């Protein structure tokens, strides 16, 4: 049984003819016939008037429109709201509909905004800084996790804090440089280098480590030199 047959059942239960029901809700008797024969369906405002005139709720009219396992049952709160809505005059219903539309749009926009926000992921950052100066001792390996947006650290294996100003203006004290261990490091690249136990973030020269800040002289590469990865980006402390 569809909504049309439910309308007919409720109308007959109220002892109303199609013409009498049409007069009650402000439509033509042919419109009622079309609803009952499911040639057309009542608009929202007419539907509310139908529920009111037939003294039934939405559950009654729509109980056959969905499969049993997908059936939507109105809560007592929903039914209370509908009863109050039906008791309003036309002006009251227009006000409620206007407020409802505004709140629906606001809620939908808020939901869309939250769903589009990127989820933060954990990212490992060394607890020991690398020097953008004359060298910082890198003690035993240790990392801590920070939460970042995935796009901020794409391609990076870990981060290292910068200490000093020798790589200004590109990197500043307190920045976290992003290190890739997968990308090859060539002369002219900026890399994380350890030399005799001290860590540096420097531009790689032929046989020296070069600072971007001109007040610092190049550091000759001597002793135990290891290139730990290429600098591919930065989480700036100045953002």
Foldseek 3Di string as FASTA:
>chain_A
DALLCLLVVLCVVVVHDLCRLCVQQVHHSVVNVCSNVVVDHDDPSSVLSSCLVSVHDPCSSHVPVDDPVPDDDDDPVRVVVSVVLSPDDPVVVVVVVVVVVVVVVVVVVVVVVVVPDAFWDWAWEWPFAAELADWDADDPTDIDIDTDGCVQQPQFRHWHAYDDDQAPPVADHGKIFGFHQPDDADQQFFFWKDAPRTTHTAHHHPQWGHTPRVVDDTGGRDHDMDTRGTGDGIDHPVD
